[in-house]
Amino acid sequence: MKKFLRILTNKFVLTGLGFLLWMAYFDQNDWQSISKKSRDLEEIDNNISYLNREIARMEKEHYQMTSEPQKLEQYAREQYKMKRDNEDLYIIEAK
């Protein structure tokens, strides 16, 4: 017990413990801020991967519209509710 108490009251051990406490709770890069930054980074990575998938989908859609006239007509009819002169257009909206 005396040996343990002597080790615990050693100035180097006390200094090391003080340094660890300072770095863990009082420093600007403490554990809480590091974990928050890692969560933010993970969220940003998820957003980047989602946006990359959306870019790929839109590029594919753009290529199809520029190369296939049927796709362009389908897009115009669905999105802009366009019709031919001899057609009637009925819009049914679900509530």
Protein backbone atom coordinates (compact mmCIF):
# COMPACT_ATOMS: atom_id res chain seq x y z
CA MET A 1 0.00 0.00 0.00
CA LYS A 2 2.85 2.35 0.84
CA LYS A 3 4.51 1.60 -2.48
CA PHE A 4 1.28 2.34 -4.36
CA LEU A 5 0.83 5.61 -2.46
CA ARG A 6 4.41 6.62 -3.19
CA ILE A 7 3.93 5.89 -6.92
CA LEU A 8 0.65 7.79 -6.95
CA THR A 9 2.20 10.87 -5.35
CA ASN A 10 5.20 10.88 -7.70
CA LYS A 11 5.50 14.26 -9.41
CA PHE A 12 5.82 12.66 -12.85
CA VAL A 13 2.69 10.55 -12.37
CA LEU A 14 0.75 13.57 -11.09
CA THR A 15 1.98 15.67 -14.00
CA GLY A 16 1.01 12.93 -16.47
CA LEU A 17 -2.46 12.58 -14.93
CA GLY A 18 -2.92 16.34 -14.98
CA PHE A 19 -1.88 16.43 -18.63
CA LEU A 20 -4.30 13.62 -19.52
CA LEU A 21 -7.16 15.38 -17.73
CA TRP A 22 -6.34 18.65 -19.45
CA MET A 23 -6.22 17.00 -22.89
CA ALA A 24 -9.41 14.99 -22.26
CA TYR A 25 -11.67 17.76 -20.98
CA PHE A 26 -10.21 21.27 -21.18
CA ASP A 27 -8.27 21.41 -24.46
CA GLN A 28 -9.90 22.73 -27.63
CA ASN A 29 -9.49 19.27 -29.20
CA ASP A 30 -11.05 17.29 -26.35
CA TRP A 31 -12.85 13.97 -26.76
CA GLN A 32 -16.30 15.51 -27.17
CA SER A 33 -15.30 17.84 -29.97
CA ILE A 34 -13.38 15.08 -31.75
CA SER A 35 -16.39 12.75 -31.62
CA LYS A 36 -18.68 15.55 -32.86
CA LYS A 37 -16.31 16.29 -35.72
CA SER A 38 -16.16 12.61 -36.68
CA ARG A 39 -19.99 12.42 -36.71
CA ASP A 40 -20.12 15.55 -38.88
CA LEU A 41 -17.51 14.07 -41.23
CA GLU A 42 -19.53 10.85 -41.55
CA GLU A 43 -22.67 12.84 -42.34
CA ILE A 44 -20.82 14.87 -44.97
CA ASP A 45 -19.42 11.67 -46.53
CA ASN A 46 -22.95 10.26 -46.72
CA ASN A 47 -24.15 13.47 -48.40
CA ILE A 48 -21.28 13.32 -50.89
CA SER A 49 -22.04 9.72 -51.83
CA TYR A 50 -25.77 10.53 -52.21
CA LEU A 51 -24.98 13.52 -54.43
CA ASN A 52 -22.58 11.46 -56.56
CA ARG A 53 -25.34 8.87 -57.11
CA GLU A 54 -27.75 11.64 -58.06
CA ILE A 55 -25.23 13.12 -60.50
CA ALA A 56 -24.77 9.71 -62.15
CA ARG A 57 -28.55 9.23 -62.40
CA MET A 58 -29.05 12.69 -63.92
CA GLU A 59 -26.22 12.21 -66.40
CA LYS A 60 -27.77 8.92 -67.52
CA GLU A 61 -31.18 10.59 -67.84
CA HIS A 62 -29.65 13.47 -69.82
CA TYR A 63 -27.89 11.07 -72.16
CA GLN A 64 -31.12 9.16 -72.74
CA MET A 65 -33.04 12.35 -73.49
CA THR A 66 -30.48 13.62 -75.96
CA SER A 67 -30.12 10.29 -77.77
CA GLU A 68 -33.67 8.87 -77.64
CA PRO A 69 -36.56 11.06 -78.83
CA GLN A 70 -39.10 8.78 -77.14
CA LYS A 71 -37.56 9.46 -73.73
CA LEU A 72 -37.63 13.22 -74.39
CA GLU A 73 -41.30 13.05 -75.34
CA GLN A 74 -42.09 10.93 -72.29
CA TYR A 75 -40.29 13.39 -70.01
CA ALA A 76 -42.08 16.38 -71.55
CA ARG A 77 -45.46 14.70 -71.18
CA GLU A 78 -44.88 13.65 -67.57
CA GLN A 79 -43.10 16.70 -66.17
CA TYR A 80 -44.54 19.58 -68.19
CA LYS A 81 -47.92 18.03 -69.03
CA MET A 82 -47.45 18.63 -72.73
CA LYS A 83 -49.78 17.10 -75.27
CA ARG A 84 -50.31 16.87 -78.99
CA ASP A 85 -52.86 19.09 -80.72
CA ASN A 86 -55.43 16.35 -81.20
CA GLU A 87 -55.23 14.97 -77.65
CA ASP A 88 -57.08 15.77 -74.44
CA LEU A 89 -55.20 15.74 -71.16
CA TYR A 90 -56.85 14.71 -67.90
CA ILE A 91 -54.86 15.21 -64.71
CA ILE A 92 -55.85 13.15 -61.69
CA GLU A 93 -54.12 14.13 -58.50
CA ALA A 94 -54.04 11.79 -55.52
CA LYS A 95 -54.65 13.42 -52.16
